[in-house]
Amino acid sequence: MGERVKSFPLEKILGCYVSPSDYCISEEKDLSNYELRGVHFEIKETNNLFKSGKRLIDLFAEVVPMEAEIVVGYHTAGAISYGQTNGLENNYWTSELKIATGTALIPKKK
């Protein structure tokens, strides 16, 4: 598979209060004409070793199938852990987990 040239458009990623049914009603479309596919992205950073310089939504957009018409139910979560290395004073580590999920509506092939 070749490298992806561009990301899914951010304006087509709708927040957690929009369901697949809500979208179809607002667009006067039939939900049965779509395949619903869960999209999930997570990234873990330990001691700031991975810093992409991108926002989480931009990273999420890179994994959305390009054939999707829209993504609904987009939401994020995160957690931060702290610890001490080998009990040594002033020797701490951090770990941060960021998660983004949503549901892609992909038109079924006719």
N, C-alpha and C. Protein backbone atom coordinates (compact mmCIF):
# COMPACT_ATOMS: atom_id res chain seq x y z
N MET A 1 0.83 -1.17 0.00
CA MET A 1 0.00 0.00 0.00
C MET A 1 0.88 1.24 0.00
N GLY A 2 0.59 2.19 -0.89
CA GLY A 2 1.41 3.40 -0.99
C GLY A 2 1.14 4.36 0.15
N GLU A 3 2.01 5.33 0.28
CA GLU A 3 1.86 6.33 1.33
C GLU A 3 0.70 7.27 1.00
N ARG A 4 -0.04 7.61 1.99
CA ARG A 4 -1.21 8.46 1.83
C ARG A 4 -0.77 9.89 1.55
N VAL A 5 -1.39 10.51 0.56
CA VAL A 5 -0.99 11.85 0.15
C VAL A 5 -1.59 12.92 1.03
N LYS A 6 -2.89 12.78 1.39
CA LYS A 6 -3.50 13.81 2.21
C LYS A 6 -4.43 13.20 3.25
N SER A 7 -4.82 14.00 4.21
CA SER A 7 -5.67 13.57 5.30
C SER A 7 -7.13 13.81 4.96
N PHE A 8 -7.99 13.11 5.71
CA PHE A 8 -9.42 13.32 5.60
C PHE A 8 -9.73 14.75 6.04
N PRO A 9 -10.64 15.45 5.36
CA PRO A 9 -10.93 16.85 5.69
C PRO A 9 -11.49 17.01 7.11
N LEU A 10 -10.91 17.92 7.87
CA LEU A 10 -11.34 18.12 9.26
C LEU A 10 -12.79 18.57 9.36
N GLU A 11 -13.27 19.32 8.38
CA GLU A 11 -14.65 19.81 8.44
C GLU A 11 -15.67 18.69 8.29
N LYS A 12 -15.20 17.49 7.94
CA LYS A 12 -16.09 16.34 7.82
C LYS A 12 -15.97 15.40 9.02
N ILE A 13 -15.35 15.87 10.08
CA ILE A 13 -15.26 15.12 11.33
C ILE A 13 -16.16 15.83 12.34
N LEU A 14 -17.29 15.18 12.65
CA LEU A 14 -18.29 15.80 13.52
C LEU A 14 -18.19 15.23 14.92
N GLY A 15 -18.50 16.04 15.90
CA GLY A 15 -18.31 15.71 17.31
C GLY A 15 -19.19 14.62 17.86
N CYS A 16 -19.00 14.35 19.14
CA CYS A 16 -19.61 13.21 19.81
C CYS A 16 -21.13 13.30 19.93
N TYR A 17 -21.72 14.46 19.70
CA TYR A 17 -23.17 14.58 19.83
C TYR A 17 -23.90 14.29 18.54
N VAL A 18 -23.18 13.94 17.48
CA VAL A 18 -23.80 13.62 16.19
C VAL A 18 -23.66 12.11 15.95
N SER A 19 -24.80 11.43 15.84
CA SER A 19 -24.81 9.99 15.59
C SER A 19 -24.96 9.74 14.08
N PRO A 20 -24.72 8.50 13.65
CA PRO A 20 -24.97 8.18 12.24
C PRO A 20 -26.41 8.50 11.83
N SER A 21 -27.37 8.19 12.69
CA SER A 21 -28.78 8.48 12.39
C SER A 21 -29.03 9.98 12.28
N ASP A 22 -28.46 10.75 13.19
CA ASP A 22 -28.61 12.22 13.14
C ASP A 22 -28.11 12.77 11.81
N TYR A 23 -26.95 12.29 11.39
CA TYR A 23 -26.39 12.77 10.13
C TYR A 23 -27.31 12.44 8.96
N CYS A 24 -27.76 11.19 8.90
CA CYS A 24 -28.62 10.77 7.78
C CYS A 24 -29.94 11.52 7.76
N ILE A 25 -30.51 11.77 8.91
CA ILE A 25 -31.76 12.55 8.97
C ILE A 25 -31.52 13.96 8.45
N SER A 26 -30.43 14.57 8.89
CA SER A 26 -30.16 15.96 8.49
C SER A 26 -29.87 16.08 7.00
N GLU A 27 -29.35 15.03 6.40
CA GLU A 27 -29.01 15.04 4.98
C GLU A 27 -30.07 14.36 4.11
N GLU A 28 -31.14 13.89 4.76
CA GLU A 28 -32.22 13.16 4.08
C GLU A 28 -31.68 11.97 3.29
N LYS A 29 -30.86 11.18 3.99
CA LYS A 29 -30.26 9.98 3.41
C LYS A 29 -30.66 8.77 4.24
N ASP A 30 -30.52 7.59 3.66
CA ASP A 30 -30.89 6.34 4.31
C ASP A 30 -29.63 5.69 4.91
N LEU A 31 -29.66 5.45 6.21
CA LEU A 31 -28.51 4.87 6.91
C LEU A 31 -28.11 3.51 6.33
N SER A 32 -29.07 2.77 5.79
CA SER A 32 -28.77 1.44 5.25
C SER A 32 -27.89 1.52 4.00
N ASN A 33 -27.70 2.70 3.45
CA ASN A 33 -26.82 2.87 2.29
C ASN A 33 -25.35 3.05 2.67
N TYR A 34 -25.07 2.93 3.97
CA TYR A 34 -23.71 3.15 4.46
C TYR A 34 -23.18 1.94 5.20
N GLU A 35 -21.89 1.73 5.08
CA GLU A 35 -21.16 0.82 5.97
C GLU A 35 -20.65 1.70 7.11
N LEU A 36 -20.86 1.27 8.33
CA LEU A 36 -20.34 2.01 9.49
C LEU A 36 -19.04 1.36 9.92
N ARG A 37 -17.99 2.15 9.99
CA ARG A 37 -16.68 1.62 10.36
C ARG A 37 -16.08 2.45 11.49
N GLY A 38 -15.74 1.77 12.58
CA GLY A 38 -15.10 2.44 13.69
C GLY A 38 -13.68 2.86 13.31
N VAL A 39 -13.32 4.06 13.72
CA VAL A 39 -11.96 4.57 13.47
C VAL A 39 -11.36 4.89 14.83
N HIS A 40 -10.16 4.41 15.05
CA HIS A 40 -9.51 4.56 16.35
C HIS A 40 -8.05 4.95 16.14
N PHE A 41 -7.60 5.91 16.90
CA PHE A 41 -6.19 6.31 16.86
C PHE A 41 -5.72 6.52 18.29
N GLU A 42 -4.55 6.00 18.59
CA GLU A 42 -3.97 6.29 19.91
C GLU A 42 -2.48 6.50 19.78
N ILE A 43 -1.98 7.29 20.68
CA ILE A 43 -0.56 7.59 20.69
C ILE A 43 -0.09 7.64 22.15
N LYS A 44 1.06 7.07 22.39
CA LYS A 44 1.63 7.07 23.74
C LYS A 44 2.97 7.79 23.70
N GLU A 45 3.13 8.72 24.58
CA GLU A 45 4.38 9.46 24.68
C GLU A 45 4.98 9.20 26.06
N THR A 46 6.23 8.81 26.08
CA THR A 46 6.92 8.57 27.35
C THR A 46 8.08 9.54 27.47
N ASN A 47 8.09 10.27 28.54
CA ASN A 47 9.14 11.26 28.81
C ASN A 47 9.35 12.19 27.61
N ASN A 48 8.26 12.52 26.95
CA ASN A 48 8.29 13.44 25.80
C ASN A 48 9.19 12.95 24.67
N LEU A 49 9.35 11.61 24.56
CA LEU A 49 10.21 11.07 23.51
C LEU A 49 9.55 11.14 22.13
N PHE A 50 8.22 11.15 22.09
CA PHE A 50 7.53 11.26 20.80
C PHE A 50 6.71 12.54 20.81
N LYS A 51 7.10 13.45 20.00
CA LYS A 51 6.35 14.70 19.84
C LYS A 51 6.17 14.92 18.36
N SER A 52 4.97 14.69 17.88
CA SER A 52 4.73 14.78 16.45
C SER A 52 4.61 16.22 15.98
N GLY A 53 4.27 17.13 16.89
CA GLY A 53 4.05 18.51 16.49
C GLY A 53 2.69 18.72 15.86
N LYS A 54 1.87 17.67 15.79
CA LYS A 54 0.54 17.77 15.21
C LYS A 54 -0.51 17.65 16.31
N ARG A 55 -1.69 18.22 16.02
CA ARG A 55 -2.81 18.08 16.94
C ARG A 55 -3.37 16.65 16.81
N LEU A 56 -4.03 16.19 17.87
CA LEU A 56 -4.59 14.85 17.87
C LEU A 56 -5.59 14.67 16.73
N ILE A 57 -6.43 15.66 16.47
CA ILE A 57 -7.42 15.54 15.40
C ILE A 57 -6.74 15.40 14.03
N ASP A 58 -5.61 16.04 13.84
CA ASP A 58 -4.87 15.91 12.57
C ASP A 58 -4.32 14.50 12.40
N LEU A 59 -3.82 13.92 13.48
CA LEU A 59 -3.32 12.54 13.44
C LEU A 59 -4.46 11.56 13.19
N PHE A 60 -5.61 11.81 13.84
CA PHE A 60 -6.80 10.98 13.63
C PHE A 60 -7.24 11.03 12.16
N ALA A 61 -7.25 12.23 11.59
CA ALA A 61 -7.69 12.40 10.19
C ALA A 61 -6.83 11.59 9.23
N GLU A 62 -5.59 11.32 9.59
CA GLU A 62 -4.71 10.54 8.73
C GLU A 62 -5.08 9.06 8.66
N VAL A 63 -5.88 8.57 9.63
CA VAL A 63 -6.26 7.15 9.62
C VAL A 63 -7.72 6.92 9.20
N VAL A 64 -8.45 8.00 8.94
CA VAL A 64 -9.83 7.86 8.47
C VAL A 64 -9.80 7.37 7.02
N PRO A 65 -10.61 6.35 6.68
CA PRO A 65 -10.65 5.89 5.29
C PRO A 65 -11.06 7.03 4.36
N MET A 66 -10.32 7.22 3.29
CA MET A 66 -10.61 8.33 2.37
C MET A 66 -11.94 8.17 1.66
N GLU A 67 -12.47 6.94 1.58
CA GLU A 67 -13.75 6.74 0.93
C GLU A 67 -14.94 7.11 1.84
N ALA A 68 -14.65 7.48 3.08
CA ALA A 68 -15.72 7.89 4.01
C ALA A 68 -16.35 9.20 3.54
N GLU A 69 -17.65 9.29 3.72
CA GLU A 69 -18.35 10.53 3.41
C GLU A 69 -18.25 11.51 4.58
N ILE A 70 -18.27 10.96 5.79
CA ILE A 70 -18.28 11.78 7.01
C ILE A 70 -17.82 10.90 8.17
N VAL A 71 -17.34 11.52 9.23
CA VAL A 71 -17.07 10.83 10.50
C VAL A 71 -17.96 11.48 11.55
N VAL A 72 -18.69 10.66 12.29
CA VAL A 72 -19.56 11.19 13.36
C VAL A 72 -19.11 10.59 14.69
N GLY A 73 -19.58 11.19 15.77
CA GLY A 73 -19.27 10.67 17.09
C GLY A 73 -17.81 10.81 17.49
N TYR A 74 -17.10 11.76 16.89
CA TYR A 74 -15.67 11.94 17.21
C TYR A 74 -15.53 12.39 18.67
N HIS A 75 -14.69 11.71 19.39
CA HIS A 75 -14.37 12.14 20.75
C HIS A 75 -12.96 11.69 21.13
N THR A 76 -12.46 12.29 22.16
CA THR A 76 -11.08 12.03 22.60
C THR A 76 -11.04 11.70 24.08
N ALA A 77 -9.96 11.07 24.48
CA ALA A 77 -9.70 10.78 25.89
C ALA A 77 -8.20 10.78 26.09
N GLY A 78 -7.80 10.92 27.31
CA GLY A 78 -6.37 10.91 27.60
C GLY A 78 -6.09 10.54 29.04
N ALA A 79 -4.88 10.11 29.28
CA ALA A 79 -4.45 9.76 30.63
C ALA A 79 -2.96 10.06 30.75
N ILE A 80 -2.58 10.48 31.93
CA ILE A 80 -1.16 10.74 32.21
C ILE A 80 -0.76 9.94 33.44
N SER A 81 0.37 9.25 33.34
CA SER A 81 0.91 8.47 34.46
C SER A 81 2.26 9.07 34.86
N TYR A 82 2.53 9.04 36.15
CA TYR A 82 3.81 9.50 36.66
C TYR A 82 4.41 8.38 37.51
N GLY A 83 5.70 8.28 37.52
CA GLY A 83 6.35 7.28 38.35
C GLY A 83 7.76 7.68 38.69
N GLN A 84 8.33 6.90 39.59
CA GLN A 84 9.70 7.16 40.02
C GLN A 84 10.56 5.99 39.56
N THR A 85 11.70 6.26 38.98
CA THR A 85 12.58 5.22 38.45
C THR A 85 13.46 4.65 39.55
N ASN A 86 13.34 3.35 39.77
CA ASN A 86 14.20 2.63 40.74
C ASN A 86 14.26 3.28 42.11
N GLY A 87 13.20 3.98 42.49
CA GLY A 87 13.17 4.59 43.81
C GLY A 87 14.15 5.73 44.01
N LEU A 88 14.81 6.17 42.95
CA LEU A 88 15.79 7.24 43.07
C LEU A 88 15.09 8.59 43.21
N GLU A 89 15.55 9.38 44.12
CA GLU A 89 14.96 10.70 44.33
C GLU A 89 15.22 11.58 43.11
N ASN A 90 14.23 12.34 42.73
CA ASN A 90 14.31 13.27 41.59
C ASN A 90 14.54 12.57 40.25
N ASN A 91 14.20 11.30 40.15
CA ASN A 91 14.32 10.58 38.88
C ASN A 91 12.94 10.03 38.51
N TYR A 92 12.17 10.85 37.84
CA TYR A 92 10.78 10.52 37.55
C TYR A 92 10.57 10.31 36.06
N TRP A 93 9.50 9.59 35.73
CA TRP A 93 9.09 9.41 34.34
C TRP A 93 7.62 9.79 34.20
N THR A 94 7.24 10.13 33.00
CA THR A 94 5.84 10.40 32.70
C THR A 94 5.45 9.61 31.45
N SER A 95 4.21 9.27 31.38
CA SER A 95 3.68 8.58 30.21
C SER A 95 2.30 9.17 29.93
N GLU A 96 2.07 9.56 28.69
CA GLU A 96 0.81 10.17 28.32
C GLU A 96 0.18 9.37 27.18
N LEU A 97 -1.08 9.01 27.35
CA LEU A 97 -1.83 8.28 26.34
C LEU A 97 -2.95 9.18 25.82
N LYS A 98 -3.02 9.33 24.50
CA LYS A 98 -4.08 10.12 23.88
C LYS A 98 -4.83 9.21 22.91
N ILE A 99 -6.16 9.26 22.97
CA ILE A 99 -7.00 8.40 22.15
C ILE A 99 -8.05 9.25 21.44
N ALA A 100 -8.30 8.95 20.18
CA ALA A 100 -9.38 9.59 19.42
C ALA A 100 -10.16 8.50 18.70
N THR A 101 -11.49 8.58 18.74
CA THR A 101 -12.34 7.59 18.07
C THR A 101 -13.51 8.27 17.39
N GLY A 102 -14.09 7.58 16.44
CA GLY A 102 -15.26 8.07 15.75
C GLY A 102 -15.82 6.97 14.85
N THR A 103 -16.92 7.26 14.18
CA THR A 103 -17.55 6.30 13.26
C THR A 103 -17.58 6.89 11.87
N ALA A 104 -16.93 6.21 10.94
CA ALA A 104 -16.92 6.65 9.54
C ALA A 104 -18.13 6.06 8.82
N LEU A 105 -18.83 6.88 8.06
CA LEU A 105 -19.92 6.43 7.21
C LEU A 105 -19.39 6.32 5.79
N ILE A 106 -19.34 5.10 5.30
CA ILE A 106 -18.78 4.82 3.98
C ILE A 106 -19.92 4.38 3.07
N PRO A 107 -20.15 5.11 1.98
CA PRO A 107 -21.23 4.71 1.07
C PRO A 107 -21.01 3.28 0.54
N LYS A 108 -22.08 2.47 0.59
CA LYS A 108 -21.99 1.11 0.05
C LYS A 108 -21.93 1.18 -1.46
N LYS A 109 -21.17 0.25 -2.03
CA LYS A 109 -21.09 0.19 -3.49
C LYS A 109 -22.38 -0.39 -4.03
N LYS A 110 -22.86 0.18 -5.11
CA LYS A 110 -24.14 -0.27 -5.68
C LYS A 110 -23.95 -1.32 -6.74
